[in-house]
């Protein structure tokens, strides 16, 4: 990750058949695009899904909150286990020590 770029970038999306724009920072758009790729959705589909449960917050705030919560969930121990990474199992570190002895 490079420097923090706070410049806002606007993108047009269609949410439930209505065209609108959302302004996010470069890194937020990158995170959003990663989520879309991981979930097999395009930006319009993901924005529509987020919009359907956003409550009283703005669309932009809802997209930001969704992205943060998505990655926070992945950062939990269970999220790490499901993704196949995280802490190294004890027997794996024992095997590495025995190979180097």
C-alpha atoms as a PDB file:
ATOM      1  CA  UNK A   1       0.000   0.000   0.000  1.00  0.00           C
ATOM      2  CA  UNK A   2       1.449   3.343  -0.998  1.00  0.00           C
ATOM      3  CA  UNK A   3       0.826   6.737   0.551  1.00  0.00           C
ATOM      4  CA  UNK A   4      -2.630   7.618   1.790  1.00  0.00           C
ATOM      5  CA  UNK A   5      -4.403   9.445  -1.008  1.00  0.00           C
ATOM      6  CA  UNK A   6      -7.458  11.304   0.228  1.00  0.00           C
ATOM      7  CA  UNK A   7      -8.482  12.530  -3.227  1.00  0.00           C
ATOM      8  CA  UNK A   8     -12.094  11.603  -3.904  1.00  0.00           C
ATOM      9  CA  UNK A   9     -12.935   9.760  -7.107  1.00  0.00           C
ATOM     10  CA  UNK A  10     -16.509   9.728  -8.450  1.00  0.00           C
ATOM     11  CA  UNK A  11     -17.941   6.692 -10.181  1.00  0.00           C
ATOM     12  CA  UNK A  12     -21.369   6.240 -11.678  1.00  0.00           C
ATOM     13  CA  UNK A  13     -23.299   3.193 -10.567  1.00  0.00           C
ATOM     14  CA  UNK A  14     -26.786   1.928 -11.212  1.00  0.00           C
ATOM     15  CA  UNK A  15     -28.569   1.009  -8.008  1.00  0.00           C
ATOM     16  CA  UNK A  16     -31.845  -0.831  -8.390  1.00  0.00           C
ATOM     17  CA  UNK A  17     -32.278   0.640 -11.874  1.00  0.00           C
ATOM     18  CA  UNK A  18     -31.369   4.245 -10.925  1.00  0.00           C
ATOM     19  CA  UNK A  19     -28.092   5.828 -11.992  1.00  0.00           C
ATOM     20  CA  UNK A  20     -26.216   7.722  -9.274  1.00  0.00           C
ATOM     21  CA  UNK A  21     -22.645   8.575  -8.371  1.00  0.00           C
ATOM     22  CA  UNK A  22     -20.540   7.637  -5.384  1.00  0.00           C
ATOM     23  CA  UNK A  23     -17.375   9.450  -4.303  1.00  0.00           C
ATOM     24  CA  UNK A  24     -14.720   7.448  -2.499  1.00  0.00           C
ATOM     25  CA  UNK A  25     -10.995   7.679  -1.898  1.00  0.00           C
ATOM     26  CA  UNK A  26      -8.683   5.734  -4.230  1.00  0.00           C
ATOM     27  CA  UNK A  27      -7.942   3.067  -1.609  1.00  0.00           C
ATOM     28  CA  UNK A  28     -11.632   2.622  -0.828  1.00  0.00           C
ATOM     29  CA  UNK A  29     -12.364   2.039  -4.523  1.00  0.00           C
ATOM     30  CA  UNK A  30      -9.511  -0.472  -4.635  1.00  0.00           C
ATOM     31  CA  UNK A  31     -10.965  -2.283  -1.609  1.00  0.00           C
ATOM     32  CA  UNK A  32     -14.451  -2.148  -3.145  1.00  0.00           C
ATOM     33  CA  UNK A  33     -13.149  -3.623  -6.416  1.00  0.00           C
ATOM     34  CA  UNK A  34     -11.405  -6.421  -4.483  1.00  0.00           C
ATOM     35  CA  UNK A  35     -14.678  -7.250  -2.733  1.00  0.00           C
ATOM     36  CA  UNK A  36     -16.533  -7.317  -6.067  1.00  0.00           C
ATOM     37  CA  UNK A  37     -13.949  -9.675  -7.565  1.00  0.00           C
ATOM     38  CA  UNK A  38     -13.942 -11.926  -4.507  1.00  0.00           C
ATOM     39  CA  UNK A  39     -17.737 -12.119  -4.378  1.00  0.00           C
ATOM     40  CA  UNK A  40     -18.258 -12.460  -8.143  1.00  0.00           C
ATOM     41  CA  UNK A  41     -20.339  -9.297  -8.372  1.00  0.00           C
ATOM     42  CA  UNK A  42     -20.063  -6.091 -10.343  1.00  0.00           C
ATOM     43  CA  UNK A  43     -20.138  -2.657  -8.701  1.00  0.00           C
ATOM     44  CA  UNK A  44     -23.807  -2.145  -9.567  1.00  0.00           C
ATOM     45  CA  UNK A  45     -24.852  -5.415  -7.935  1.00  0.00           C
ATOM     46  CA  UNK A  46     -22.831  -4.832  -4.793  1.00  0.00           C
ATOM     47  CA  UNK A  47     -24.036  -1.227  -4.453  1.00  0.00           C
ATOM     48  CA  UNK A  48     -27.646  -2.393  -4.875  1.00  0.00           C
ATOM     49  CA  UNK A  49     -27.169  -5.019  -2.178  1.00  0.00           C
ATOM     50  CA  UNK A  50     -25.581  -2.480   0.207  1.00  0.00           C
ATOM     51  CA  UNK A  51     -28.258   0.107  -0.585  1.00  0.00           C
ATOM     52  CA  UNK A  52     -31.070  -2.303   0.252  1.00  0.00           C
ATOM     53  CA  UNK A  53     -29.919  -2.515   3.866  1.00  0.00           C
ATOM     54  CA  UNK A  54     -28.283   0.870   4.486  1.00  0.00           C
ATOM     55  CA  UNK A  55     -30.919   2.382   6.747  1.00  0.00           C
ATOM     56  CA  UNK A  56     -30.577   6.129   7.356  1.00  0.00           C
ATOM     57  CA  UNK A  57     -26.932   6.541   6.310  1.00  0.00           C
ATOM     58  CA  UNK A  58     -25.856   7.983   2.971  1.00  0.00           C
ATOM     59  CA  UNK A  59     -24.990   5.603   0.151  1.00  0.00           C
ATOM     60  CA  UNK A  60     -21.337   6.605   0.310  1.00  0.00           C
ATOM     61  CA  UNK A  61     -21.184   6.049   4.072  1.00  0.00           C
ATOM     62  CA  UNK A  62     -22.894   2.678   3.659  1.00  0.00           C
ATOM     63  CA  UNK A  63     -20.352   1.580   1.024  1.00  0.00           C
ATOM     64  CA  UNK A  64     -17.456   2.650   3.262  1.00  0.00           C
ATOM     65  CA  UNK A  65     -18.935   0.869   6.283  1.00  0.00           C
ATOM     66  CA  UNK A  66     -19.570  -2.288   4.253  1.00  0.00           C
ATOM     67  CA  UNK A  67     -15.965  -2.376   2.985  1.00  0.00           C
ATOM     68  CA  UNK A  68     -14.506  -1.830   6.460  1.00  0.00           C
ATOM     69  CA  UNK A  69     -16.765  -4.487   7.981  1.00  0.00           C
ATOM     70  CA  UNK A  70     -15.965  -6.915   5.158  1.00  0.00           C
ATOM     71  CA  UNK A  71     -12.233  -6.701   5.816  1.00  0.00           C
ATOM     72  CA  UNK A  72     -12.658  -6.599   9.612  1.00  0.00           C
ATOM     73  CA  UNK A  73     -14.597  -9.851   9.388  1.00  0.00           C
ATOM     74  CA  UNK A  74     -11.798 -11.389   7.335  1.00  0.00           C
ATOM     75  CA  UNK A  75      -9.274 -10.262   9.974  1.00  0.00           C
ATOM     76  CA  UNK A  76     -10.881 -12.348  12.740  1.00  0.00           C
ATOM     77  CA  UNK A  77      -9.412 -15.713  13.695  1.00  0.00           C
ATOM     78  CA  UNK A  78     -12.354 -17.459  12.006  1.00  0.00           C
ATOM     79  CA  UNK A  79     -11.878 -15.327   8.899  1.00  0.00           C
ATOM     80  CA  UNK A  80      -8.214 -16.282   8.792  1.00  0.00           C
ATOM     81  CA  UNK A  81      -9.058 -19.970   9.164  1.00  0.00           C
ATOM     82  CA  UNK A  82     -11.642 -19.811   6.365  1.00  0.00           C
ATOM     83  CA  UNK A  83      -9.158 -18.034   4.082  1.00  0.00           C
ATOM     84  CA  UNK A  84      -6.460 -20.589   4.879  1.00  0.00           C
ATOM     85  CA  UNK A  85      -3.976 -18.179   6.440  1.00  0.00           C
ATOM     86  CA  UNK A  86      -3.195 -16.707   9.804  1.00  0.00           C
ATOM     87  CA  UNK A  87      -1.088 -18.258  12.525  1.00  0.00           C
ATOM     88  CA  UNK A  88       1.082 -21.218  11.559  1.00  0.00           C
ATOM     89  CA  UNK A  89      -0.101 -24.524  13.098  1.00  0.00           C
ATOM     90  CA  UNK A  90       2.239 -25.814  15.829  1.00  0.00           C
ATOM     91  CA  UNK A  91       3.070 -29.040  13.954  1.00  0.00           C
ATOM     92  CA  UNK A  92       4.125 -27.059  10.870  1.00  0.00           C
ATOM     93  CA  UNK A  93       6.672 -25.042  12.862  1.00  0.00           C
ATOM     94  CA  UNK A  94       7.945 -28.291  14.457  1.00  0.00           C
ATOM     95  CA  UNK A  95       8.460 -29.753  10.973  1.00  0.00           C
ATOM     96  CA  UNK A  96      10.412 -26.676   9.869  1.00  0.00           C
ATOM     97  CA  UNK A  97      12.687 -26.880  12.951  1.00  0.00           C
ATOM     98  CA  UNK A  98      13.382 -30.582  12.342  1.00  0.00           C
ATOM     99  CA  UNK A  99      14.327 -29.922   8.689  1.00  0.00           C
ATOM    100  CA  UNK A 100      16.827 -27.233   9.646  1.00  0.00           C
ATOM    101  CA  UNK A 101      18.498 -29.357  12.385  1.00  0.00           C
END
